[in-house]
Amino acid sequence: MADMKKAFVCGHPIAHSRSPKIHGYWLRKYGIAGSYEAIDVAPEDAAEFFATFGERGFAGGNVTIPHKEAAFAAAARRDEAAERIGAVNTLWLENGVLCGGNTDAEGFAANLDERAPGWAKAGPAVVLGAGGAARAVIQALKERGFTDIRVANRTVERAIELGDRFGPGVSAHPATATGELLADAGLLVNTTALGMAGKSGSEALPANPEALPRHAIVTDIVYVPLETPLLKAARECGLKTVDGLGMLLHQAAPGFERWFGRRPEVTEELREMIIADMAKASTGKS
């Protein structure tokens, strides 16, 4: 087993990460001798972990909250997406050099390609939120040719920062302006935590999809619950909706290919396996 390849996901906390199940599925499916494990790394230990994981036999790994910016700083080489987004979620070693990439934009786009073909021609996009996830979404939208991307955020200064980061075609707006922004939009993307499990009522609805044209697509990067209040409201309006689980699955594929040498397929079987795991977690069963 000396040639067994090892990879990881690190974060703090990390116990609820579904990445080990995703990568474990692919390792079994393709008969690859490898392992993928979750490692809890405290923020004060992150820099040392990134500098030394190769000594522990790891080929690389994924990085999740709160370490994506620390991984960006630690990487000696970064891909274009990581540079634009300002965060790293995938690490690997090339001739002993720590390299970092960001696959979140690729995962976001691949999910929509699968679930809503033709989405890139939908028209103006409205992005709710201005955090790290919004940066990845805007990167994906720019890559796919969107020229009118409207960022709405409660703190408009953060939206302005994204406009400055991504340049022409990205405009900043206060969250209170969301309704008028939706009138001619073709795509609505929620990147905020509104609608996550445990939130309900009007507090869980970041925008009213009734304001959208009938051809619009609504997607939420939240995937617990699978159908968020926003997606439920959009579906009830007759709009096309795309949940956030596919983004999680598709963003995992490029890293797997780097560490284990095979591009994995995001199958319906994998999706159903993760949905079943989420259902178990929600009922407290293991």
C-alpha atoms as a PDB file:
ATOM      1  CA  MET A   1       0.000   0.000   0.000  1.00  0.00           C
ATOM      2  CA  ALA A   2       3.060   2.266  -0.166  1.00  0.00           C
ATOM      3  CA  ASP A   3       1.772   3.861  -3.360  1.00  0.00           C
ATOM      4  CA  MET A   4      -1.656   4.655  -1.907  1.00  0.00           C
ATOM      5  CA  LYS A   5      -2.486   8.290  -2.525  1.00  0.00           C
ATOM      6  CA  LYS A   6      -3.870  10.343   0.335  1.00  0.00           C
ATOM      7  CA  ALA A   7      -5.935  13.536   0.295  1.00  0.00           C
ATOM      8  CA  PHE A   8      -7.865  15.531   2.870  1.00  0.00           C
ATOM      9  CA  VAL A   9     -10.389  18.229   3.602  1.00  0.00           C
ATOM     10  CA  CYS A  10      -9.494  20.651   6.373  1.00  0.00           C
ATOM     11  CA  GLY A  11     -11.578  23.215   8.188  1.00  0.00           C
ATOM     12  CA  HIS A  12     -12.727  24.195  11.665  1.00  0.00           C
ATOM     13  CA  PRO A  13     -15.133  22.631  12.492  1.00  0.00           C
ATOM     14  CA  ILE A  14     -15.008  19.836   9.920  1.00  0.00           C
ATOM     15  CA  ALA A  15     -16.990  16.899  11.367  1.00  0.00           C
ATOM     16  CA  HIS A  16     -20.064  17.563   9.210  1.00  0.00           C
ATOM     17  CA  SER A  17     -18.191  17.835   5.901  1.00  0.00           C
ATOM     18  CA  ARG A  18     -19.626  15.613   3.186  1.00  0.00           C
ATOM     19  CA  SER A  19     -16.425  15.715   1.133  1.00  0.00           C
ATOM     20  CA  PRO A  20     -15.125  12.375   2.535  1.00  0.00           C
ATOM     21  CA  LYS A  21     -18.340  10.667   1.376  1.00  0.00           C
ATOM     22  CA  ILE A  22     -18.076  12.231  -2.098  1.00  0.00           C
ATOM     23  CA  HIS A  23     -14.428  11.317  -2.620  1.00  0.00           C
ATOM     24  CA  GLY A  24     -14.862   7.936  -0.949  1.00  0.00           C
ATOM     25  CA  TYR A  25     -17.632   7.158  -3.453  1.00  0.00           C
ATOM     26  CA  TRP A  26     -15.322   7.979  -6.360  1.00  0.00           C
ATOM     27  CA  LEU A  27     -12.393   6.007  -4.922  1.00  0.00           C
ATOM     28  CA  ARG A  28     -14.624   2.930  -4.665  1.00  0.00           C
ATOM     29  CA  LYS A  29     -16.284   3.500  -8.042  1.00  0.00           C
ATOM     30  CA  TYR A  30     -12.969   3.678  -9.908  1.00  0.00           C
ATOM     31  CA  GLY A  31     -11.127   1.102  -7.814  1.00  0.00           C
ATOM     32  CA  ILE A  32      -8.390   3.551  -6.829  1.00  0.00           C
ATOM     33  CA  ALA A  33      -6.083   2.742  -3.916  1.00  0.00           C
ATOM     34  CA  GLY A  34      -6.432   5.992  -2.007  1.00  0.00           C
ATOM     35  CA  SER A  35      -7.862   7.707   1.031  1.00  0.00           C
ATOM     36  CA  TYR A  36      -9.583  10.995   1.748  1.00  0.00           C
ATOM     37  CA  GLU A  37     -10.058  12.158   5.315  1.00  0.00           C
ATOM     38  CA  ALA A  38     -11.428  15.130   7.237  1.00  0.00           C
ATOM     39  CA  ILE A  39      -8.892  16.944   9.414  1.00  0.00           C
ATOM     40  CA  ASP A  40      -9.880  19.592  11.956  1.00  0.00           C
ATOM     41  CA  VAL A  41      -7.255  22.340  11.814  1.00  0.00           C
ATOM     42  CA  ALA A  42      -7.513  25.251  14.242  1.00  0.00           C
ATOM     43  CA  PRO A  43      -6.961  28.686  12.633  1.00  0.00           C
ATOM     44  CA  GLU A  44      -3.684  29.232  14.495  1.00  0.00           C
ATOM     45  CA  ASP A  45      -2.344  25.932  13.106  1.00  0.00           C
ATOM     46  CA  ALA A  46      -3.403  26.411   9.476  1.00  0.00           C
ATOM     47  CA  ALA A  47      -0.161  27.912   8.107  1.00  0.00           C
ATOM     48  CA  GLU A  48       1.948  25.119   9.595  1.00  0.00           C
ATOM     49  CA  PHE A  49      -0.460  22.452   8.330  1.00  0.00           C
ATOM     50  CA  PHE A  50      -0.321  23.806   4.770  1.00  0.00           C
ATOM     51  CA  ALA A  51       3.479  23.904   4.893  1.00  0.00           C
ATOM     52  CA  THR A  52       3.875  20.336   6.160  1.00  0.00           C
ATOM     53  CA  PHE A  53       1.020  18.149   4.869  1.00  0.00           C
ATOM     54  CA  GLY A  54       3.318  16.723   2.173  1.00  0.00           C
ATOM     55  CA  GLU A  55       5.585  15.338   4.883  1.00  0.00           C
ATOM     56  CA  ARG A  56       2.586  13.395   6.191  1.00  0.00           C
ATOM     57  CA  GLY A  57       2.129  11.718   2.809  1.00  0.00           C
ATOM     58  CA  PHE A  58      -0.741  13.803   1.448  1.00  0.00           C
ATOM     59  CA  ALA A  59      -0.841  14.681  -2.243  1.00  0.00           C
ATOM     60  CA  GLY A  60      -3.153  17.603  -1.469  1.00  0.00           C
ATOM     61  CA  GLY A  61      -6.600  18.412  -0.258  1.00  0.00           C
ATOM     62  CA  ASN A  62      -9.607  20.647  -0.013  1.00  0.00           C
ATOM     63  CA  VAL A  63      -9.873  23.703   2.197  1.00  0.00           C
ATOM     64  CA  THR A  64     -13.116  24.953   3.697  1.00  0.00           C
ATOM     65  CA  ILE A  65     -14.240  27.586   6.198  1.00  0.00           C
ATOM     66  CA  PRO A  66     -12.420  29.364   7.785  1.00  0.00           C
ATOM     67  CA  HIS A  67      -9.126  28.571   6.006  1.00  0.00           C
ATOM     68  CA  LYS A  68      -9.634  29.579   2.343  1.00  0.00           C
ATOM     69  CA  GLU A  69      -7.849  32.926   2.719  1.00  0.00           C
ATOM     70  CA  ALA A  70      -5.009  31.353   4.737  1.00  0.00           C
ATOM     71  CA  ALA A  71      -4.582  28.732   2.004  1.00  0.00           C
ATOM     72  CA  PHE A  72      -4.469  31.535  -0.579  1.00  0.00           C
ATOM     73  CA  ALA A  73      -1.648  33.194   1.382  1.00  0.00           C
ATOM     74  CA  ALA A  74       0.226  29.896   1.811  1.00  0.00           C
ATOM     75  CA  ALA A  75       0.184  28.840  -1.851  1.00  0.00           C
ATOM     76  CA  ALA A  76       3.319  29.705  -3.789  1.00  0.00           C
ATOM     77  CA  ARG A  77       1.437  29.337  -7.071  1.00  0.00           C
ATOM     78  CA  ARG A  78      -2.269  29.986  -7.645  1.00  0.00           C
ATOM     79  CA  ASP A  79      -4.570  29.488 -10.612  1.00  0.00           C
ATOM     80  CA  GLU A  80      -6.423  32.364 -12.237  1.00  0.00           C
ATOM     81  CA  ALA A  81      -9.727  31.624 -10.527  1.00  0.00           C
ATOM     82  CA  ALA A  82      -8.075  31.671  -7.078  1.00  0.00           C
ATOM     83  CA  GLU A  83      -6.382  34.980  -7.887  1.00  0.00           C
ATOM     84  CA  ARG A  84      -9.655  36.566  -8.986  1.00  0.00           C
ATOM     85  CA  ILE A  85     -11.705  35.163  -6.094  1.00  0.00           C
ATOM     86  CA  GLY A  86      -9.004  35.788  -3.489  1.00  0.00           C
ATOM     87  CA  ALA A  87      -9.390  32.373  -1.874  1.00  0.00           C
ATOM     88  CA  VAL A  88      -8.120  28.799  -2.327  1.00  0.00           C
ATOM     89  CA  ASN A  89     -10.246  25.687  -1.811  1.00  0.00           C
ATOM     90  CA  THR A  90      -7.963  23.097  -3.470  1.00  0.00           C
ATOM     91  CA  LEU A  91      -4.283  22.428  -2.728  1.00  0.00           C
ATOM     92  CA  TRP A  92      -1.731  20.179  -4.420  1.00  0.00           C
ATOM     93  CA  LEU A  93       2.034  19.779  -4.643  1.00  0.00           C
ATOM     94  CA  GLU A  94       4.061  20.143  -7.844  1.00  0.00           C
ATOM     95  CA  ASN A  95       7.713  19.212  -7.400  1.00  0.00           C
ATOM     96  CA  GLY A  96       7.446  20.167  -3.755  1.00  0.00           C
ATOM     97  CA  VAL A  97       5.823  23.537  -4.500  1.00  0.00           C
ATOM     98  CA  LEU A  98       2.494  24.272  -2.826  1.00  0.00           C
ATOM     99  CA  CYS A  99      -0.101  25.180  -5.470  1.00  0.00           C
ATOM    100  CA  GLY A 100      -3.607  26.457  -4.885  1.00  0.00           C
ATOM    101  CA  GLY A 101      -6.759  26.686  -6.961  1.00  0.00           C
ATOM    102  CA  ASN A 102     -10.382  27.600  -6.552  1.00  0.00           C
ATOM    103  CA  THR A 103     -12.986  25.279  -8.052  1.00  0.00           C
ATOM    104  CA  ASP A 104     -16.087  26.956  -6.619  1.00  0.00           C
ATOM    105  CA  ALA A 105     -16.788  28.983  -9.782  1.00  0.00           C
ATOM    106  CA  GLU A 106     -16.358  25.864 -11.931  1.00  0.00           C
ATOM    107  CA  GLY A 107     -18.665  23.921  -9.597  1.00  0.00           C
ATOM    108  CA  PHE A 108     -21.332  26.627  -9.702  1.00  0.00           C
ATOM    109  CA  ALA A 109     -21.324  26.760 -13.505  1.00  0.00           C
ATOM    110  CA  ALA A 110     -21.259  22.966 -13.930  1.00  0.00           C
ATOM    111  CA  ASN A 111     -24.281  22.593 -11.656  1.00  0.00           C
ATOM    112  CA  LEU A 112     -26.287  25.028 -13.791  1.00  0.00           C
ATOM    113  CA  ASP A 113     -25.032  23.399 -16.998  1.00  0.00           C
ATOM    114  CA  GLU A 114     -26.451  20.113 -15.738  1.00  0.00           C
ATOM    115  CA  ARG A 115     -29.708  21.331 -14.212  1.00  0.00           C
ATOM    116  CA  ALA A 116     -30.612  24.368 -16.359  1.00  0.00           C
ATOM    117  CA  PRO A 117     -28.986  24.095 -19.817  1.00  0.00           C
ATOM    118  CA  GLY A 118     -28.787  27.440 -21.586  1.00  0.00           C
ATOM    119  CA  TRP A 119     -28.666  29.375 -18.307  1.00  0.00           C
ATOM    120  CA  ALA A 120     -25.807  31.588 -19.499  1.00  0.00           C
ATOM    121  CA  LYS A 121     -28.159  33.211 -22.039  1.00  0.00           C
ATOM    122  CA  ALA A 122     -30.808  34.010 -19.428  1.00  0.00           C
ATOM    123  CA  GLY A 123     -30.045  37.733 -19.220  1.00  0.00           C
ATOM    124  CA  PRO A 124     -28.976  40.047 -16.364  1.00  0.00           C
ATOM    125  CA  ALA A 125     -27.962  38.304 -13.141  1.00  0.00           C
ATOM    126  CA  VAL A 126     -28.753  39.389  -9.597  1.00  0.00           C
ATOM    127  CA  VAL A 127     -26.402  38.062  -6.896  1.00  0.00           C
ATOM    128  CA  LEU A 128     -27.572  38.299  -3.284  1.00  0.00           C
ATOM    129  CA  GLY A 129     -24.702  38.658  -0.817  1.00  0.00           C
ATOM    130  CA  ALA A 130     -21.130  39.890  -1.110  1.00  0.00           C
ATOM    131  CA  GLY A 131     -19.007  37.333   0.734  1.00  0.00           C
ATOM    132  CA  GLY A 132     -16.547  34.735  -0.520  1.00  0.00           C
ATOM    133  CA  ALA A 133     -19.242  32.648  -2.182  1.00  0.00           C
ATOM    134  CA  ALA A 134     -20.466  35.690  -4.115  1.00  0.00           C
ATOM    135  CA  ARG A 135     -16.938  36.223  -5.461  1.00  0.00           C
ATOM    136  CA  ALA A 136     -16.902  32.670  -6.833  1.00  0.00           C
ATOM    137  CA  VAL A 137     -20.343  33.140  -8.410  1.00  0.00           C
ATOM    138  CA  ILE A 138     -19.347  36.430 -10.041  1.00  0.00           C
ATOM    139  CA  GLN A 139     -16.179  34.807 -11.385  1.00  0.00           C
ATOM    140  CA  ALA A 140     -18.330  32.073 -12.975  1.00  0.00           C
ATOM    141  CA  LEU A 141     -20.758  34.607 -14.438  1.00  0.00           C
ATOM    142  CA  LYS A 142     -17.934  36.686 -15.919  1.00  0.00           C
ATOM    143  CA  GLU A 143     -16.355  33.552 -17.423  1.00  0.00           C
ATOM    144  CA  ARG A 144     -19.694  32.696 -19.058  1.00  0.00           C
ATOM    145  CA  GLY A 145     -20.078  36.124 -20.641  1.00  0.00           C
ATOM    146  CA  PHE A 146     -22.502  37.927 -18.324  1.00  0.00           C
ATOM    147  CA  THR A 147     -22.141  41.691 -18.809  1.00  0.00           C
ATOM    148  CA  ASP A 148     -24.804  42.841 -16.324  1.00  0.00           C
ATOM    149  CA  ILE A 149     -24.226  41.425 -12.832  1.00  0.00           C
ATOM    150  CA  ARG A 150     -26.046  43.217 -10.008  1.00  0.00           C
ATOM    151  CA  VAL A 151     -24.761  42.566  -6.497  1.00  0.00           C
ATOM    152  CA  ALA A 152     -27.231  43.344  -3.708  1.00  0.00           C
ATOM    153  CA  ASN A 153     -26.023  43.321  -0.127  1.00  0.00           C
ATOM    154  CA  ARG A 154     -27.222  44.654   3.210  1.00  0.00           C
ATOM    155  CA  THR A 155     -23.884  46.465   3.602  1.00  0.00           C
ATOM    156  CA  VAL A 156     -23.536  48.154   0.218  1.00  0.00           C
ATOM    157  CA  GLU A 157     -19.834  48.915   0.802  1.00  0.00           C
ATOM    158  CA  ARG A 158     -19.045  45.197   0.508  1.00  0.00           C
ATOM    159  CA  ALA A 159     -20.932  45.035  -2.782  1.00  0.00           C
ATOM    160  CA  ILE A 160     -18.931  48.045  -4.009  1.00  0.00           C
ATOM    161  CA  GLU A 161     -15.721  46.160  -3.164  1.00  0.00           C
ATOM    162  CA  LEU A 162     -16.830  43.330  -5.461  1.00  0.00           C
ATOM    163  CA  GLY A 163     -17.560  45.814  -8.226  1.00  0.00           C
ATOM    164  CA  ASP A 164     -14.043  47.166  -7.837  1.00  0.00           C
ATOM    165  CA  ARG A 165     -12.562  43.647  -7.786  1.00  0.00           C
ATOM    166  CA  PHE A 166     -14.332  42.337 -10.883  1.00  0.00           C
ATOM    167  CA  GLY A 167     -14.590  45.529 -12.905  1.00  0.00           C
ATOM    168  CA  PRO A 168     -17.013  46.551 -15.663  1.00  0.00           C
ATOM    169  CA  GLY A 169     -20.396  44.864 -15.721  1.00  0.00           C
ATOM    170  CA  VAL A 170     -20.612  44.372 -11.953  1.00  0.00           C
ATOM    171  CA  SER A 171     -22.760  46.926 -10.130  1.00  0.00           C
ATOM    172  CA  ALA A 172     -23.377  47.367  -6.380  1.00  0.00           C
ATOM    173  CA  HIS A 173     -26.776  47.912  -4.776  1.00  0.00           C
ATOM    174  CA  PRO A 174     -28.295  47.947  -1.278  1.00  0.00           C
ATOM    175  CA  ALA A 175     -30.424  44.923  -0.381  1.00  0.00           C
ATOM    176  CA  THR A 176     -33.455  47.213  -0.204  1.00  0.00           C
ATOM    177  CA  ALA A 177     -33.219  47.703  -3.993  1.00  0.00           C
ATOM    178  CA  THR A 178     -33.514  43.972  -4.764  1.00  0.00           C
ATOM    179  CA  GLY A 179     -37.135  44.131  -5.922  1.00  0.00           C
ATOM    180  CA  GLU A 180     -36.467  46.612  -8.712  1.00  0.00           C
ATOM    181  CA  LEU A 181     -33.267  44.798  -9.712  1.00  0.00           C
ATOM    182  CA  LEU A 182     -35.290  41.629 -10.415  1.00  0.00           C
ATOM    183  CA  ALA A 183     -37.769  43.146 -12.878  1.00  0.00           C
ATOM    184  CA  ASP A 184     -35.738  42.238 -16.010  1.00  0.00           C
ATOM    185  CA  ALA A 185     -33.302  39.689 -14.517  1.00  0.00           C
ATOM    186  CA  GLY A 186     -32.829  36.253 -16.032  1.00  0.00           C
ATOM    187  CA  LEU A 187     -30.889  34.698 -13.159  1.00  0.00           C
ATOM    188  CA  LEU A 188     -31.175  35.120  -9.390  1.00  0.00           C
ATOM    189  CA  VAL A 189     -28.420  33.646  -7.205  1.00  0.00           C
ATOM    190  CA  ASN A 190     -28.597  33.574  -3.412  1.00  0.00           C
ATOM    191  CA  THR A 191     -25.180  33.346  -1.739  1.00  0.00           C
ATOM    192  CA  THR A 192     -26.353  34.477   1.708  1.00  0.00           C
ATOM    193  CA  ALA A 193     -27.078  32.216   4.682  1.00  0.00           C
ATOM    194  CA  LEU A 194     -30.763  33.195   4.590  1.00  0.00           C
ATOM    195  CA  GLY A 195     -32.771  30.041   4.086  1.00  0.00           C
ATOM    196  CA  MET A 196     -30.342  27.646   5.744  1.00  0.00           C
ATOM    197  CA  ALA A 197     -31.796  24.939   7.959  1.00  0.00           C
ATOM    198  CA  GLY A 198     -33.114  26.439  11.175  1.00  0.00           C
ATOM    199  CA  LYS A 199     -34.310  29.693   9.612  1.00  0.00           C
ATOM    200  CA  SER A 200     -37.928  30.135   8.623  1.00  0.00           C
ATOM    201  CA  GLY A 201     -40.585  32.680   7.770  1.00  0.00           C
ATOM    202  CA  SER A 202     -39.894  35.981   6.062  1.00  0.00           C
ATOM    203  CA  GLU A 203     -36.419  36.073   7.638  1.00  0.00           C
ATOM    204  CA  ALA A 204     -35.490  33.068   5.483  1.00  0.00           C
ATOM    205  CA  LEU A 205     -36.479  34.711   2.194  1.00  0.00           C
ATOM    206  CA  PRO A 206     -33.681  36.932   0.811  1.00  0.00           C
ATOM    207  CA  ALA A 207     -35.788  38.146  -2.140  1.00  0.00           C
ATOM    208  CA  ASN A 208     -39.296  37.790  -3.532  1.00  0.00           C
ATOM    209  CA  PRO A 209     -39.120  35.757  -6.760  1.00  0.00           C
ATOM    210  CA  GLU A 210     -42.554  37.007  -7.816  1.00  0.00           C
ATOM    211  CA  ALA A 211     -40.748  40.124  -9.093  1.00  0.00           C
ATOM    212  CA  LEU A 212     -38.830  38.062 -11.683  1.00  0.00           C
ATOM    213  CA  PRO A 213     -39.799  37.531 -15.347  1.00  0.00           C
ATOM    214  CA  ARG A 214     -41.325  34.111 -16.052  1.00  0.00           C
ATOM    215  CA  HIS A 215     -38.228  32.879 -17.935  1.00  0.00           C
ATOM    216  CA  ALA A 216     -35.887  33.528 -15.012  1.00  0.00           C
ATOM    217  CA  ILE A 217     -33.832  30.841 -13.256  1.00  0.00           C
ATOM    218  CA  VAL A 218     -33.396  30.873  -9.466  1.00  0.00           C
ATOM    219  CA  THR A 219     -30.532  29.089  -7.723  1.00  0.00           C
ATOM    220  CA  ASP A 220     -29.326  28.956  -4.131  1.00  0.00           C
ATOM    221  CA  ILE A 221     -25.846  27.854  -3.080  1.00  0.00           C
ATOM    222  CA  VAL A 222     -27.306  26.657   0.237  1.00  0.00           C
ATOM    223  CA  TYR A 223     -28.073  22.910   0.062  1.00  0.00           C
ATOM    224  CA  VAL A 224     -29.309  22.215   3.599  1.00  0.00           C
ATOM    225  CA  PRO A 225     -32.258  22.194   3.210  1.00  0.00           C
ATOM    226  CA  LEU A 226     -32.174  21.021  -0.395  1.00  0.00           C
ATOM    227  CA  GLU A 227     -35.170  23.187  -1.234  1.00  0.00           C
ATOM    228  CA  THR A 228     -34.658  26.489   0.561  1.00  0.00           C
ATOM    229  CA  PRO A 229     -37.552  28.899   1.178  1.00  0.00           C
ATOM    230  CA  LEU A 230     -36.347  30.940  -1.829  1.00  0.00           C
ATOM    231  CA  LEU A 231     -36.383  27.916  -4.149  1.00  0.00           C
ATOM    232  CA  LYS A 232     -39.792  26.824  -2.828  1.00  0.00           C
ATOM    233  CA  ALA A 233     -41.242  30.295  -3.428  1.00  0.00           C
ATOM    234  CA  ALA A 234     -39.698  30.409  -6.921  1.00  0.00           C
ATOM    235  CA  ARG A 235     -41.055  26.962  -7.804  1.00  0.00           C
ATOM    236  CA  GLU A 236     -44.512  28.008  -6.648  1.00  0.00           C
ATOM    237  CA  CYS A 237     -44.219  31.006  -9.009  1.00  0.00           C
ATOM    238  CA  GLY A 238     -43.556  28.579 -11.865  1.00  0.00           C
ATOM    239  CA  LEU A 239     -39.874  29.491 -12.205  1.00  0.00           C
ATOM    240  CA  LYS A 240     -37.010  27.119 -12.994  1.00  0.00           C
ATOM    241  CA  THR A 241     -34.998  26.359  -9.842  1.00  0.00           C
ATOM    242  CA  VAL A 242     -31.602  24.760  -9.202  1.00  0.00           C
ATOM    243  CA  ASP A 243     -30.514  23.660  -5.722  1.00  0.00           C
ATOM    244  CA  GLY A 244     -27.001  24.092  -4.366  1.00  0.00           C
ATOM    245  CA  LEU A 245     -26.022  20.436  -3.934  1.00  0.00           C
ATOM    246  CA  GLY A 246     -24.661  20.127  -7.464  1.00  0.00           C
ATOM    247  CA  MET A 247     -22.202  22.945  -6.818  1.00  0.00           C
ATOM    248  CA  LEU A 248     -20.750  20.957  -3.901  1.00  0.00           C
ATOM    249  CA  LEU A 249     -20.484  17.809  -6.033  1.00  0.00           C
ATOM    250  CA  HIS A 250     -19.021  19.453  -9.142  1.00  0.00           C
ATOM    251  CA  GLN A 251     -16.465  21.599  -7.296  1.00  0.00           C
ATOM    252  CA  ALA A 252     -15.004  18.391  -5.851  1.00  0.00           C
ATOM    253  CA  ALA A 253     -14.192  16.799  -9.213  1.00  0.00           C
ATOM    254  CA  PRO A 254     -11.117  18.861 -10.288  1.00  0.00           C
ATOM    255  CA  GLY A 255      -9.327  18.185  -6.991  1.00  0.00           C
ATOM    256  CA  PHE A 256     -10.004  14.456  -7.199  1.00  0.00           C
ATOM    257  CA  GLU A 257      -8.486  14.433 -10.676  1.00  0.00           C
ATOM    258  CA  ARG A 258      -5.354  16.254  -9.457  1.00  0.00           C
ATOM    259  CA  TRP A 259      -4.710  13.931  -6.517  1.00  0.00           C
ATOM    260  CA  PHE A 260      -5.890  10.600  -7.882  1.00  0.00           C
ATOM    261  CA  GLY A 261      -5.324  10.978 -11.623  1.00  0.00           C
ATOM    262  CA  ARG A 262      -8.838  10.401 -12.896  1.00  0.00           C
ATOM    263  CA  ARG A 263     -11.611  12.864 -13.698  1.00  0.00           C
ATOM    264  CA  PRO A 264     -14.659  11.597 -11.787  1.00  0.00           C
ATOM    265  CA  GLU A 265     -18.237  11.779 -12.966  1.00  0.00           C
ATOM    266  CA  VAL A 266     -20.978  13.443 -10.936  1.00  0.00           C
ATOM    267  CA  THR A 267     -23.706  10.816 -11.166  1.00  0.00           C
ATOM    268  CA  GLU A 268     -27.315  10.737 -10.031  1.00  0.00           C
ATOM    269  CA  GLU A 269     -26.305   7.832  -7.775  1.00  0.00           C
ATOM    270  CA  LEU A 270     -23.782  10.075  -5.981  1.00  0.00           C
ATOM    271  CA  ARG A 271     -26.346  12.849  -5.639  1.00  0.00           C
ATOM    272  CA  GLU A 272     -28.929  10.472  -4.179  1.00  0.00           C
ATOM    273  CA  MET A 273     -26.345   9.054  -1.757  1.00  0.00           C
ATOM    274  CA  ILE A 274     -25.558  12.524  -0.401  1.00  0.00           C
ATOM    275  CA  ILE A 275     -29.264  13.427  -0.198  1.00  0.00           C
ATOM    276  CA  ALA A 276     -29.866  10.244   1.827  1.00  0.00           C
ATOM    277  CA  ASP A 277     -26.977  11.188   4.128  1.00  0.00           C
ATOM    278  CA  MET A 278     -28.462  14.652   4.609  1.00  0.00           C
ATOM    279  CA  ALA A 279     -31.827  13.086   5.496  1.00  0.00           C
ATOM    280  CA  LYS A 280     -30.149  10.850   8.088  1.00  0.00           C
ATOM    281  CA  ALA A 281     -28.329  13.820   9.588  1.00  0.00           C
ATOM    282  CA  SER A 282     -31.566  15.819   9.853  1.00  0.00           C
ATOM    283  CA  THR A 283     -33.206  13.041  11.891  1.00  0.00           C
ATOM    284  CA  GLY A 284     -30.178  12.561  14.126  1.00  0.00           C
ATOM    285  CA  LYS A 285     -29.530   9.009  12.919  1.00  0.00           C
ATOM    286  CA  SER A 286     -26.017   7.839  12.008  1.00  0.00           C
END
